[in-house]
């Protein structure tokens, strides 16, 4: 299927396994310190080795992956997941997803700006909601 790859850049690998949508986004993430190996920032030109574990931050999402095989060309998502092992803790995965299920507080149209009392009630509701999450 694919030939044995000896050298592969981290930015190209992250793009190929579909962590980032484009290679330039992967490169920018490396330059911005969003990709780490043992807590150390790595450059986009860093050579990937099988068995290494990387910490990747993409927006509010954090992933921890271990390289199981090298992949040079981008492939479909089902194939891509076989080239790495996702070590992200379950609590962190669900914590990220739960932010999308938070209640949306709405005010009636034309009610104007919230008063100081309204603002305190909104803050109390938010605190109750996020305290229940933990």
N, C-alpha and C. Protein backbone atom coordinates (compact mmCIF):
# COMPACT_ATOMS: atom_id res chain seq x y z
N UNK A 1 0.83 -1.20 0.00
CA UNK A 1 0.00 0.00 0.00
C UNK A 1 0.87 1.25 0.00
N UNK A 2 1.57 1.54 1.11
CA UNK A 2 2.47 2.69 1.12
C UNK A 2 3.88 2.19 1.39
N UNK A 3 4.83 2.90 0.83
CA UNK A 3 6.22 2.50 1.05
C UNK A 3 6.69 2.94 2.44
N UNK A 4 7.74 2.30 2.92
CA UNK A 4 8.27 2.64 4.23
C UNK A 4 8.85 4.05 4.22
N UNK A 5 8.43 4.85 5.17
CA UNK A 5 8.87 6.24 5.27
C UNK A 5 9.88 6.33 6.40
N UNK A 6 11.01 6.94 6.15
CA UNK A 6 12.03 7.06 7.18
C UNK A 6 11.98 8.42 7.86
N UNK A 7 11.79 9.48 7.08
CA UNK A 7 11.75 10.83 7.64
C UNK A 7 10.44 11.49 7.27
N UNK A 8 9.81 12.09 8.29
CA UNK A 8 8.54 12.78 8.06
C UNK A 8 8.43 13.94 9.04
N UNK A 9 8.12 15.12 8.52
CA UNK A 9 7.98 16.31 9.35
C UNK A 9 6.69 16.24 10.17
N UNK A 10 6.71 16.83 11.37
CA UNK A 10 5.54 16.80 12.25
C UNK A 10 4.35 17.53 11.63
N UNK A 11 4.58 18.65 10.96
CA UNK A 11 3.46 19.38 10.37
C UNK A 11 2.77 18.55 9.28
N UNK A 12 3.56 17.86 8.49
CA UNK A 12 3.00 17.03 7.42
C UNK A 12 2.26 15.83 8.02
N UNK A 13 2.79 15.26 9.09
CA UNK A 13 2.16 14.11 9.75
C UNK A 13 0.80 14.51 10.34
N UNK A 14 0.76 15.64 11.05
CA UNK A 14 -0.49 16.09 11.67
C UNK A 14 -1.56 16.40 10.63
N UNK A 15 -1.14 16.89 9.49
CA UNK A 15 -2.06 17.14 8.39
C UNK A 15 -2.55 15.81 7.80
N UNK A 16 -1.65 14.85 7.61
CA UNK A 16 -1.98 13.57 6.99
C UNK A 16 -2.94 12.75 7.85
N UNK A 17 -2.80 12.82 9.19
CA UNK A 17 -3.70 12.05 10.06
C UNK A 17 -4.96 12.84 10.42
N UNK A 18 -5.15 13.98 9.77
CA UNK A 18 -6.37 14.78 9.87
C UNK A 18 -6.58 15.45 11.22
N UNK A 19 -5.51 15.79 11.91
CA UNK A 19 -5.64 16.60 13.13
C UNK A 19 -5.92 18.05 12.72
N UNK A 20 -5.23 18.50 11.66
CA UNK A 20 -5.44 19.85 11.12
C UNK A 20 -5.96 19.75 9.69
N UNK A 21 -6.77 20.72 9.30
CA UNK A 21 -7.41 20.71 7.99
C UNK A 21 -6.42 20.99 6.86
N UNK A 22 -5.46 21.85 7.13
CA UNK A 22 -4.45 22.16 6.11
C UNK A 22 -3.06 22.03 6.72
N UNK A 23 -2.08 21.85 5.86
CA UNK A 23 -0.72 21.74 6.36
C UNK A 23 -0.23 23.07 6.92
N UNK A 24 -0.68 24.15 6.33
CA UNK A 24 -0.25 25.46 6.84
C UNK A 24 -0.82 25.72 8.25
N UNK A 25 -2.02 25.20 8.55
CA UNK A 25 -2.55 25.32 9.91
C UNK A 25 -1.71 24.51 10.89
N UNK A 26 -1.26 23.33 10.46
CA UNK A 26 -0.39 22.50 11.30
C UNK A 26 0.94 23.21 11.54
N UNK A 27 1.48 23.83 10.51
CA UNK A 27 2.74 24.57 10.63
C UNK A 27 2.58 25.73 11.61
N UNK A 28 1.49 26.48 11.48
CA UNK A 28 1.25 27.62 12.36
C UNK A 28 1.08 27.17 13.81
N UNK A 29 0.40 26.04 14.02
CA UNK A 29 0.22 25.51 15.38
C UNK A 29 1.56 25.16 16.01
N UNK A 30 2.45 24.58 15.23
CA UNK A 30 3.80 24.25 15.73
C UNK A 30 4.55 25.53 16.09
N UNK A 31 4.50 26.51 15.21
CA UNK A 31 5.20 27.78 15.45
C UNK A 31 4.65 28.51 16.68
N UNK A 32 3.33 28.35 16.92
CA UNK A 32 2.69 29.04 18.05
C UNK A 32 2.84 28.28 19.36
N UNK A 33 3.51 27.14 19.35
CA UNK A 33 3.72 26.38 20.57
C UNK A 33 2.53 25.53 20.97
N UNK A 34 1.66 25.19 20.03
CA UNK A 34 0.48 24.39 20.33
C UNK A 34 0.75 22.89 20.21
N UNK A 35 1.91 22.52 19.69
CA UNK A 35 2.30 21.11 19.56
C UNK A 35 3.53 20.90 20.43
N UNK A 36 3.43 19.95 21.36
CA UNK A 36 4.53 19.74 22.31
C UNK A 36 4.92 18.27 22.37
N UNK A 37 6.20 18.05 22.67
CA UNK A 37 6.75 16.72 22.91
C UNK A 37 7.41 16.78 24.27
N UNK A 38 6.92 16.01 25.23
CA UNK A 38 7.43 16.02 26.61
C UNK A 38 7.42 17.43 27.21
N UNK A 39 6.37 18.20 26.92
CA UNK A 39 6.24 19.55 27.46
C UNK A 39 7.06 20.61 26.75
N UNK A 40 7.83 20.22 25.75
CA UNK A 40 8.67 21.17 25.00
C UNK A 40 8.04 21.49 23.65
N UNK A 41 8.04 22.77 23.29
CA UNK A 41 7.55 23.16 21.96
C UNK A 41 8.44 22.55 20.89
N UNK A 42 7.84 22.16 19.78
CA UNK A 42 8.64 21.63 18.68
C UNK A 42 8.39 22.42 17.41
N UNK A 43 9.39 22.45 16.56
CA UNK A 43 9.30 23.18 15.30
C UNK A 43 8.55 22.35 14.27
N UNK A 44 7.99 23.01 13.24
CA UNK A 44 7.28 22.27 12.19
C UNK A 44 8.17 21.27 11.45
N UNK A 45 9.48 21.49 11.46
CA UNK A 45 10.40 20.61 10.73
C UNK A 45 10.87 19.43 11.57
N UNK A 46 10.37 19.30 12.80
CA UNK A 46 10.77 18.20 13.68
C UNK A 46 10.44 16.86 13.01
N UNK A 47 11.35 15.90 13.07
CA UNK A 47 11.15 14.60 12.45
C UNK A 47 10.40 13.68 13.42
N UNK A 48 9.26 13.15 12.96
CA UNK A 48 8.40 12.29 13.77
C UNK A 48 9.02 10.91 13.90
N UNK A 49 8.90 10.34 15.10
CA UNK A 49 9.39 8.98 15.33
C UNK A 49 8.24 8.13 15.89
N UNK A 50 8.15 6.89 15.46
CA UNK A 50 7.11 5.99 15.94
C UNK A 50 7.29 5.77 17.43
N UNK A 51 6.18 5.85 18.18
CA UNK A 51 6.21 5.64 19.62
C UNK A 51 6.23 6.92 20.43
N UNK A 52 6.50 8.05 19.80
CA UNK A 52 6.52 9.32 20.53
C UNK A 52 5.10 9.79 20.83
N UNK A 53 4.96 10.53 21.94
CA UNK A 53 3.66 11.05 22.36
C UNK A 53 3.67 12.57 22.27
N UNK A 54 2.67 13.12 21.59
CA UNK A 54 2.58 14.56 21.38
C UNK A 54 1.32 15.11 22.05
N UNK A 55 1.44 16.33 22.61
CA UNK A 55 0.29 17.05 23.15
C UNK A 55 -0.05 18.15 22.17
N UNK A 56 -1.29 18.17 21.71
CA UNK A 56 -1.71 19.12 20.69
C UNK A 56 -2.89 19.92 21.21
N UNK A 57 -2.82 21.24 21.08
CA UNK A 57 -3.94 22.10 21.45
C UNK A 57 -4.46 22.77 20.19
N UNK A 58 -5.76 22.58 19.98
CA UNK A 58 -6.40 23.13 18.78
C UNK A 58 -7.64 23.88 19.26
N UNK A 59 -7.52 25.19 19.42
CA UNK A 59 -8.63 25.96 19.99
C UNK A 59 -8.76 25.58 21.47
N UNK A 60 -9.98 25.19 21.87
CA UNK A 60 -10.18 24.76 23.25
C UNK A 60 -10.00 23.26 23.41
N UNK A 61 -9.85 22.58 22.30
CA UNK A 61 -9.69 21.12 22.33
C UNK A 61 -8.22 20.75 22.54
N UNK A 62 -7.99 19.78 23.44
CA UNK A 62 -6.63 19.28 23.68
C UNK A 62 -6.60 17.80 23.36
N UNK A 63 -5.57 17.38 22.66
CA UNK A 63 -5.41 15.97 22.30
C UNK A 63 -4.03 15.49 22.70
N UNK A 64 -3.96 14.23 23.08
CA UNK A 64 -2.69 13.57 23.34
C UNK A 64 -2.66 12.36 22.42
N UNK A 65 -1.68 12.31 21.53
CA UNK A 65 -1.61 11.20 20.58
C UNK A 65 -0.23 10.54 20.63
N UNK A 66 -0.22 9.23 20.38
CA UNK A 66 1.02 8.48 20.26
C UNK A 66 1.11 7.98 18.83
N UNK A 67 2.25 8.18 18.20
CA UNK A 67 2.46 7.77 16.81
C UNK A 67 2.61 6.26 16.75
N UNK A 68 1.76 5.60 15.96
CA UNK A 68 1.86 4.15 15.81
C UNK A 68 2.47 3.79 14.45
N UNK A 69 2.36 4.67 13.48
CA UNK A 69 2.95 4.44 12.16
C UNK A 69 3.02 5.78 11.45
N UNK A 70 3.89 5.89 10.46
CA UNK A 70 4.06 7.14 9.72
C UNK A 70 3.17 7.16 8.49
N UNK A 71 2.62 8.30 8.19
CA UNK A 71 1.73 8.49 7.05
C UNK A 71 2.11 9.77 6.35
N UNK A 72 2.47 9.66 5.08
CA UNK A 72 2.96 10.82 4.34
C UNK A 72 1.85 11.55 3.59
N UNK A 73 0.91 10.80 3.02
CA UNK A 73 -0.18 11.41 2.26
C UNK A 73 -1.47 11.38 3.06
N UNK A 74 -2.30 12.39 2.87
CA UNK A 74 -3.59 12.47 3.56
C UNK A 74 -4.52 11.38 3.03
N UNK A 75 -5.18 10.70 3.96
CA UNK A 75 -6.11 9.63 3.58
C UNK A 75 -7.45 9.87 4.27
N UNK A 76 -8.43 8.98 4.01
CA UNK A 76 -9.74 9.17 4.62
C UNK A 76 -9.65 8.99 6.14
N UNK A 77 -10.64 9.48 6.86
CA UNK A 77 -10.61 9.52 8.32
C UNK A 77 -10.52 8.13 8.94
N UNK A 78 -11.23 7.14 8.38
CA UNK A 78 -11.19 5.79 8.95
C UNK A 78 -9.80 5.19 8.88
N UNK A 79 -9.09 5.45 7.80
CA UNK A 79 -7.73 4.95 7.65
C UNK A 79 -6.76 5.74 8.52
N UNK A 80 -6.96 7.04 8.62
CA UNK A 80 -6.05 7.92 9.35
C UNK A 80 -5.95 7.55 10.83
N UNK A 81 -7.04 7.13 11.45
CA UNK A 81 -7.01 6.82 12.89
C UNK A 81 -6.17 5.59 13.20
N UNK A 82 -5.84 4.80 12.22
CA UNK A 82 -4.99 3.62 12.46
C UNK A 82 -3.52 3.99 12.57
N UNK A 83 -3.16 5.20 12.22
CA UNK A 83 -1.76 5.63 12.24
C UNK A 83 -1.38 6.33 13.55
N UNK A 84 -2.33 6.52 14.46
CA UNK A 84 -2.01 7.08 15.77
C UNK A 84 -2.94 6.51 16.82
N UNK A 85 -2.53 6.63 18.07
CA UNK A 85 -3.32 6.16 19.20
C UNK A 85 -3.73 7.39 20.01
N UNK A 86 -5.02 7.57 20.21
CA UNK A 86 -5.52 8.72 20.95
C UNK A 86 -5.48 8.42 22.44
N UNK A 87 -4.64 9.14 23.18
CA UNK A 87 -4.48 8.93 24.62
C UNK A 87 -5.17 10.02 25.44
N UNK A 88 -6.00 10.84 24.81
CA UNK A 88 -6.68 11.93 25.50
C UNK A 88 -7.59 11.36 26.58
N UNK A 89 -7.48 11.87 27.84
CA UNK A 89 -8.36 11.36 28.91
C UNK A 89 -9.84 11.57 28.57
N UNK A 90 -10.67 10.63 28.97
CA UNK A 90 -12.10 10.68 28.65
C UNK A 90 -12.74 11.92 29.24
N UNK A 91 -12.34 12.31 30.47
CA UNK A 91 -12.94 13.49 31.11
C UNK A 91 -12.69 14.74 30.27
N UNK A 92 -11.50 14.84 29.71
CA UNK A 92 -11.16 16.01 28.90
C UNK A 92 -11.96 16.03 27.60
N UNK A 93 -12.15 14.86 27.01
CA UNK A 93 -12.91 14.77 25.77
C UNK A 93 -14.35 15.20 26.00
N UNK A 94 -14.97 14.69 27.07
CA UNK A 94 -16.35 15.05 27.34
C UNK A 94 -16.47 16.47 27.85
N UNK A 95 -15.46 16.98 28.53
CA UNK A 95 -15.48 18.36 29.00
C UNK A 95 -15.54 19.33 27.84
N UNK A 96 -14.81 19.01 26.79
CA UNK A 96 -14.81 19.85 25.59
C UNK A 96 -16.17 19.82 24.94
N UNK A 97 -16.76 18.63 24.83
CA UNK A 97 -18.06 18.49 24.16
C UNK A 97 -19.20 19.09 24.98
N UNK A 98 -19.09 19.07 26.32
CA UNK A 98 -20.19 19.57 27.16
C UNK A 98 -20.36 21.08 27.02
N UNK A 99 -19.35 21.78 26.58
CA UNK A 99 -19.48 23.22 26.42
C UNK A 99 -20.49 23.57 25.32
N UNK A 100 -20.71 22.64 24.40
CA UNK A 100 -21.67 22.89 23.33
C UNK A 100 -23.09 22.60 23.78
N UNK A 101 -23.24 21.95 24.94
CA UNK A 101 -24.56 21.61 25.43
C UNK A 101 -24.97 22.47 26.61
N UNK A 102 -24.26 23.54 26.84
CA UNK A 102 -24.59 24.45 27.93
C UNK A 102 -25.89 25.19 27.58
N UNK A 103 -26.68 25.53 28.58
CA UNK A 103 -27.95 26.21 28.29
C UNK A 103 -27.70 27.60 27.73
N UNK A 104 -28.59 28.01 26.88
CA UNK A 104 -28.50 29.34 26.29
C UNK A 104 -29.51 30.22 27.00
N UNK A 105 -29.02 31.26 27.63
CA UNK A 105 -29.90 32.16 28.35
C UNK A 105 -30.40 33.22 27.39
N UNK A 106 -31.72 33.39 27.36
CA UNK A 106 -32.32 34.36 26.43
C UNK A 106 -33.18 35.35 27.20
N UNK A 107 -33.26 36.54 26.66
CA UNK A 107 -34.14 37.56 27.22
C UNK A 107 -35.19 37.88 26.17
N UNK A 108 -36.33 38.31 26.66
CA UNK A 108 -37.40 38.68 25.74
C UNK A 108 -36.97 39.85 24.88
N UNK A 109 -37.38 39.80 23.63
CA UNK A 109 -37.04 40.86 22.69
C UNK A 109 -37.69 42.17 23.17
N UNK A 110 -36.89 43.22 23.19
CA UNK A 110 -37.39 44.53 23.60
C UNK A 110 -37.36 44.75 25.11
N UNK A 111 -36.81 43.79 25.86
CA UNK A 111 -36.76 43.92 27.32
C UNK A 111 -35.68 44.89 27.77
N UNK A 112 -34.82 45.29 26.84
CA UNK A 112 -33.76 46.22 27.20
C UNK A 112 -32.57 45.53 27.84
N UNK A 113 -31.65 46.32 28.32
CA UNK A 113 -30.46 45.76 28.96
C UNK A 113 -30.81 45.18 30.31
N UNK A 114 -30.07 44.15 30.74
CA UNK A 114 -30.35 43.58 32.06
C UNK A 114 -30.00 44.57 33.17
N UNK A 115 -30.82 44.56 34.21
CA UNK A 115 -30.52 45.40 35.37
C UNK A 115 -29.42 44.71 36.18
N UNK A 116 -28.96 45.39 37.21
CA UNK A 116 -27.92 44.81 38.06
C UNK A 116 -28.43 43.52 38.71
N UNK A 117 -29.69 43.52 39.11
CA UNK A 117 -30.30 42.34 39.73
C UNK A 117 -30.38 41.20 38.70
N UNK A 118 -30.81 41.52 37.49
CA UNK A 118 -30.87 40.50 36.42
C UNK A 118 -29.49 39.90 36.17
N UNK A 119 -28.50 40.74 36.14
CA UNK A 119 -27.13 40.29 35.87
C UNK A 119 -26.66 39.30 36.94
N UNK A 120 -26.97 39.62 38.22
CA UNK A 120 -26.59 38.72 39.32
C UNK A 120 -27.31 37.38 39.20
N UNK A 121 -28.59 37.41 38.83
CA UNK A 121 -29.36 36.17 38.66
C UNK A 121 -28.78 35.32 37.52
N UNK A 122 -28.38 35.96 36.45
CA UNK A 122 -27.77 35.24 35.32
C UNK A 122 -26.46 34.60 35.76
N UNK A 123 -25.64 35.36 36.49
CA UNK A 123 -24.36 34.82 36.98
C UNK A 123 -24.58 33.64 37.92
N UNK A 124 -25.61 33.74 38.79
CA UNK A 124 -25.91 32.63 39.71
C UNK A 124 -26.33 31.38 38.95
N UNK A 125 -27.14 31.55 37.92
CA UNK A 125 -27.56 30.41 37.10
C UNK A 125 -26.36 29.74 36.43
N UNK A 126 -25.47 30.56 35.90
CA UNK A 126 -24.28 30.02 35.24
C UNK A 126 -23.41 29.25 36.24
N UNK A 127 -23.24 29.80 37.44
CA UNK A 127 -22.43 29.12 38.46
C UNK A 127 -23.05 27.79 38.85
N UNK A 128 -24.39 27.76 39.00
CA UNK A 128 -25.08 26.51 39.33
C UNK A 128 -24.88 25.47 38.23
N UNK A 129 -25.02 25.91 36.99
CA UNK A 129 -24.90 24.98 35.87
C UNK A 129 -23.50 24.36 35.80
N UNK A 130 -22.47 25.19 35.90
CA UNK A 130 -21.10 24.68 35.77
C UNK A 130 -20.65 23.96 37.03
N UNK A 131 -21.25 24.23 38.18
CA UNK A 131 -20.93 23.48 39.40
C UNK A 131 -21.47 22.06 39.28
N UNK A 132 -22.63 21.89 38.63
CA UNK A 132 -23.22 20.56 38.42
C UNK A 132 -22.39 19.72 37.47
N UNK A 133 -21.68 20.37 36.54
CA UNK A 133 -20.85 19.66 35.55
C UNK A 133 -19.69 18.94 36.21
N UNK A 134 -19.16 19.53 37.29
CA UNK A 134 -17.97 18.96 37.95
C UNK A 134 -18.40 17.88 38.86
